[in-house]
Amino acid sequence: AFGAARAKTVDVFPGANGKPLRRGGWATVTVWLASLAAHLGIDIFISHAANAGKLAISTIIIYIVVTLMVQNRMIRARAAYMKLSANPL
């Protein structure tokens, strides 16, 4: 959900060569910080409740990878909808 929220805060626009460019702003940074804080809070709670040790370190990496994939897929879809170049961002 946070990856989708971040994708909505990113501007997608054509560059000088027609390829899509993206630019995040303060809203993107704010959603990043909120998502990391929420994830870390949940990890700390679960680690203490389940006595899972250093579970939070491994899940934060997975969390970042998954949310970045969602964010990038949504941005690519928006670029395709705008009929910008099919080349990767």
N, C-alpha and C. Protein backbone atom coordinates (compact mmCIF):
# COMPACT_ATOMS: atom_id res chain seq x y z
N ALA A 1 0.81 -1.19 0.00
CA ALA A 1 0.00 0.00 0.00
C ALA A 1 0.86 1.26 0.00
N PHE A 2 1.98 1.23 0.74
CA PHE A 2 2.83 2.42 0.78
C PHE A 2 3.54 2.64 -0.55
N GLY A 3 3.88 1.57 -1.26
CA GLY A 3 4.51 1.72 -2.58
C GLY A 3 3.56 2.42 -3.54
N ALA A 4 2.29 2.05 -3.49
CA ALA A 4 1.29 2.69 -4.34
C ALA A 4 1.09 4.15 -3.94
N ALA A 5 1.10 4.42 -2.65
CA ALA A 5 0.95 5.80 -2.18
C ALA A 5 2.13 6.66 -2.63
N ARG A 6 3.34 6.09 -2.54
CA ARG A 6 4.52 6.85 -3.00
C ARG A 6 4.46 7.10 -4.50
N ALA A 7 4.01 6.12 -5.26
CA ALA A 7 3.94 6.28 -6.72
C ALA A 7 3.01 7.43 -7.10
N LYS A 8 1.96 7.62 -6.33
CA LYS A 8 1.03 8.70 -6.62
C LYS A 8 1.62 10.08 -6.35
N THR A 9 2.68 10.13 -5.54
CA THR A 9 3.29 11.42 -5.22
C THR A 9 4.42 11.79 -6.17
N VAL A 10 4.75 10.90 -7.09
CA VAL A 10 5.86 11.12 -8.03
C VAL A 10 5.32 11.69 -9.33
N ASP A 11 5.94 12.77 -9.81
CA ASP A 11 5.58 13.35 -11.10
C ASP A 11 6.28 12.57 -12.20
N VAL A 12 5.54 12.25 -13.27
CA VAL A 12 6.11 11.61 -14.45
C VAL A 12 5.89 12.57 -15.61
N PHE A 13 6.97 12.85 -16.34
CA PHE A 13 6.88 13.82 -17.43
C PHE A 13 7.89 13.46 -18.52
N PRO A 14 7.65 13.92 -19.76
CA PRO A 14 8.60 13.61 -20.84
C PRO A 14 9.86 14.46 -20.71
N GLY A 15 11.00 13.80 -20.91
CA GLY A 15 12.27 14.51 -20.92
C GLY A 15 12.53 15.12 -22.28
N ALA A 16 13.68 15.73 -22.44
CA ALA A 16 14.03 16.38 -23.70
C ALA A 16 14.08 15.38 -24.86
N ASN A 17 14.46 14.14 -24.59
CA ASN A 17 14.55 13.12 -25.64
C ASN A 17 13.28 12.28 -25.74
N GLY A 18 12.24 12.63 -25.03
CA GLY A 18 10.98 11.91 -25.09
C GLY A 18 10.87 10.76 -24.10
N LYS A 19 11.95 10.43 -23.45
CA LYS A 19 11.90 9.36 -22.46
C LYS A 19 11.27 9.88 -21.18
N PRO A 20 10.57 9.01 -20.46
CA PRO A 20 9.91 9.46 -19.23
C PRO A 20 10.92 9.76 -18.12
N LEU A 21 10.67 10.83 -17.44
CA LEU A 21 11.45 11.19 -16.25
C LEU A 21 10.50 11.20 -15.07
N ARG A 22 11.05 11.04 -13.89
CA ARG A 22 10.23 11.07 -12.69
C ARG A 22 10.89 11.96 -11.65
N ARG A 23 10.03 12.58 -10.83
CA ARG A 23 10.56 13.48 -9.81
C ARG A 23 9.63 13.40 -8.59
N GLY A 24 10.23 13.10 -7.47
CA GLY A 24 9.49 13.08 -6.22
C GLY A 24 9.68 14.40 -5.50
N GLY A 25 8.81 14.68 -4.58
CA GLY A 25 8.89 15.92 -3.82
C GLY A 25 8.79 15.63 -2.33
N TRP A 26 8.37 16.65 -1.58
CA TRP A 26 8.25 16.50 -0.13
C TRP A 26 7.19 15.47 0.23
N ALA A 27 6.15 15.38 -0.58
CA ALA A 27 5.11 14.39 -0.29
C ALA A 27 5.68 12.98 -0.39
N THR A 28 6.56 12.76 -1.37
CA THR A 28 7.20 11.45 -1.53
C THR A 28 8.07 11.13 -0.33
N VAL A 29 8.85 12.10 0.11
CA VAL A 29 9.71 11.91 1.28
C VAL A 29 8.87 11.63 2.52
N THR A 30 7.78 12.36 2.67
CA THR A 30 6.91 12.17 3.83
C THR A 30 6.31 10.76 3.85
N VAL A 31 5.86 10.29 2.69
CA VAL A 31 5.29 8.94 2.63
C VAL A 31 6.37 7.89 2.89
N TRP A 32 7.59 8.12 2.38
CA TRP A 32 8.71 7.21 2.66
C TRP A 32 8.95 7.12 4.17
N LEU A 33 9.05 8.25 4.82
CA LEU A 33 9.31 8.26 6.26
C LEU A 33 8.18 7.60 7.05
N ALA A 34 6.95 7.88 6.65
CA ALA A 34 5.80 7.27 7.34
C ALA A 34 5.79 5.76 7.14
N SER A 35 6.11 5.32 5.94
CA SER A 35 6.09 3.88 5.67
C SER A 35 7.20 3.16 6.43
N LEU A 36 8.37 3.76 6.48
CA LEU A 36 9.47 3.14 7.23
C LEU A 36 9.17 3.12 8.73
N ALA A 37 8.62 4.20 9.23
CA ALA A 37 8.26 4.25 10.66
C ALA A 37 7.20 3.21 11.00
N ALA A 38 6.20 3.08 10.15
CA ALA A 38 5.15 2.08 10.38
C ALA A 38 5.73 0.67 10.36
N HIS A 39 6.57 0.40 9.37
CA HIS A 39 7.15 -0.94 9.27
C HIS A 39 8.06 -1.25 10.46
N LEU A 40 8.90 -0.31 10.82
CA LEU A 40 9.79 -0.54 11.96
C LEU A 40 9.01 -0.71 13.26
N GLY A 41 7.94 0.06 13.42
CA GLY A 41 7.10 -0.09 14.61
C GLY A 41 6.48 -1.47 14.69
N ILE A 42 5.97 -1.94 13.57
CA ILE A 42 5.39 -3.29 13.54
C ILE A 42 6.46 -4.33 13.80
N ASP A 43 7.64 -4.17 13.20
CA ASP A 43 8.74 -5.12 13.42
C ASP A 43 9.16 -5.18 14.88
N ILE A 44 9.27 -4.03 15.52
CA ILE A 44 9.67 -4.01 16.93
C ILE A 44 8.63 -4.70 17.79
N PHE A 45 7.36 -4.43 17.51
CA PHE A 45 6.28 -5.06 18.26
C PHE A 45 6.32 -6.58 18.09
N ILE A 46 6.44 -7.05 16.85
CA ILE A 46 6.45 -8.49 16.59
C ILE A 46 7.69 -9.14 17.19
N SER A 47 8.86 -8.47 17.05
CA SER A 47 10.09 -9.04 17.59
C SER A 47 10.00 -9.23 19.11
N HIS A 48 9.41 -8.27 19.80
CA HIS A 48 9.28 -8.39 21.27
C HIS A 48 8.19 -9.39 21.65
N ALA A 49 7.08 -9.35 20.91
CA ALA A 49 5.96 -10.24 21.25
C ALA A 49 6.31 -11.70 20.99
N ALA A 50 7.03 -11.95 19.90
CA ALA A 50 7.34 -13.33 19.53
C ALA A 50 8.74 -13.75 19.96
N ASN A 51 9.47 -12.83 20.60
CA ASN A 51 10.85 -13.09 20.98
C ASN A 51 11.66 -13.59 19.77
N ALA A 52 11.52 -12.86 18.65
CA ALA A 52 12.10 -13.29 17.38
C ALA A 52 13.50 -12.75 17.14
N GLY A 53 14.06 -12.00 18.05
CA GLY A 53 15.43 -11.53 17.90
C GLY A 53 15.57 -10.45 16.84
N LYS A 54 16.42 -10.71 15.85
CA LYS A 54 16.73 -9.71 14.83
C LYS A 54 15.89 -9.87 13.57
N LEU A 55 14.65 -10.24 13.74
CA LEU A 55 13.73 -10.41 12.63
C LEU A 55 13.55 -9.10 11.86
N ALA A 56 13.56 -7.97 12.55
CA ALA A 56 13.29 -6.68 11.92
C ALA A 56 14.29 -6.35 10.83
N ILE A 57 15.53 -6.72 11.00
CA ILE A 57 16.56 -6.38 10.00
C ILE A 57 16.28 -7.07 8.67
N SER A 58 15.91 -8.33 8.72
CA SER A 58 15.65 -9.05 7.47
C SER A 58 14.34 -8.60 6.83
N THR A 59 13.34 -8.30 7.62
CA THR A 59 12.07 -7.91 7.01
C THR A 59 12.11 -6.51 6.42
N ILE A 60 12.94 -5.62 6.95
CA ILE A 60 13.02 -4.27 6.38
C ILE A 60 13.59 -4.31 4.97
N ILE A 61 14.53 -5.21 4.73
CA ILE A 61 15.10 -5.35 3.39
C ILE A 61 14.04 -5.86 2.42
N ILE A 62 13.31 -6.87 2.83
CA ILE A 62 12.24 -7.41 1.99
C ILE A 62 11.19 -6.34 1.76
N TYR A 63 10.84 -5.59 2.79
CA TYR A 63 9.84 -4.54 2.69
C TYR A 63 10.25 -3.48 1.66
N ILE A 64 11.49 -3.04 1.73
CA ILE A 64 11.97 -2.01 0.80
C ILE A 64 11.93 -2.53 -0.63
N VAL A 65 12.38 -3.75 -0.85
CA VAL A 65 12.38 -4.33 -2.20
C VAL A 65 10.96 -4.42 -2.75
N VAL A 66 10.05 -4.95 -1.98
CA VAL A 66 8.67 -5.14 -2.46
C VAL A 66 8.00 -3.80 -2.73
N THR A 67 8.14 -2.84 -1.82
CA THR A 67 7.48 -1.55 -2.04
C THR A 67 8.10 -0.77 -3.20
N LEU A 68 9.41 -0.91 -3.40
CA LEU A 68 10.03 -0.26 -4.57
C LEU A 68 9.54 -0.89 -5.87
N MET A 69 9.35 -2.20 -5.87
CA MET A 69 8.82 -2.85 -7.07
C MET A 69 7.42 -2.34 -7.39
N VAL A 70 6.57 -2.24 -6.39
CA VAL A 70 5.21 -1.74 -6.60
C VAL A 70 5.25 -0.31 -7.10
N GLN A 71 6.05 0.53 -6.45
CA GLN A 71 6.17 1.92 -6.85
C GLN A 71 6.63 2.04 -8.30
N ASN A 72 7.68 1.31 -8.67
CA ASN A 72 8.20 1.40 -10.03
C ASN A 72 7.23 0.87 -11.06
N ARG A 73 6.51 -0.20 -10.76
CA ARG A 73 5.50 -0.73 -11.70
C ARG A 73 4.40 0.30 -11.95
N MET A 74 3.96 0.96 -10.89
CA MET A 74 2.91 1.96 -11.05
C MET A 74 3.40 3.17 -11.84
N ILE A 75 4.63 3.59 -11.62
CA ILE A 75 5.18 4.72 -12.36
C ILE A 75 5.35 4.35 -13.82
N ARG A 76 5.84 3.14 -14.10
CA ARG A 76 5.96 2.68 -15.50
C ARG A 76 4.60 2.62 -16.19
N ALA A 77 3.60 2.14 -15.46
CA ALA A 77 2.26 2.07 -16.04
C ALA A 77 1.74 3.47 -16.37
N ARG A 78 2.01 4.43 -15.49
CA ARG A 78 1.58 5.80 -15.75
C ARG A 78 2.31 6.38 -16.96
N ALA A 79 3.61 6.08 -17.10
CA ALA A 79 4.38 6.55 -18.27
C ALA A 79 3.82 5.92 -19.54
N ALA A 80 3.46 4.64 -19.49
CA ALA A 80 2.89 3.98 -20.66
C ALA A 80 1.53 4.58 -21.01
N TYR A 81 0.73 4.89 -20.00
CA TYR A 81 -0.57 5.51 -20.21
C TYR A 81 -0.42 6.88 -20.87
N MET A 82 0.64 7.59 -20.49
CA MET A 82 0.91 8.91 -21.07
C MET A 82 1.53 8.79 -22.45
N LYS A 83 1.76 7.55 -22.90
CA LYS A 83 2.35 7.25 -24.21
C LYS A 83 3.74 7.86 -24.35
N LEU A 84 4.51 7.77 -23.28
CA LEU A 84 5.90 8.18 -23.34
C LEU A 84 6.71 7.01 -23.89
N SER A 85 7.96 7.21 -24.16
CA SER A 85 8.81 6.19 -24.75
C SER A 85 8.70 4.87 -24.00
N ALA A 86 8.75 3.78 -24.75
CA ALA A 86 8.66 2.45 -24.14
C ALA A 86 9.97 2.04 -23.48
N ASN A 87 11.03 2.83 -23.65
CA ASN A 87 12.30 2.49 -23.02
C ASN A 87 12.18 2.54 -21.51
N PRO A 88 12.92 1.70 -20.80
CA PRO A 88 12.84 1.70 -19.35
C PRO A 88 13.20 3.04 -18.74
N LEU A 89 12.64 3.31 -17.59
CA LEU A 89 12.97 4.54 -16.86
C LEU A 89 14.38 4.49 -16.36
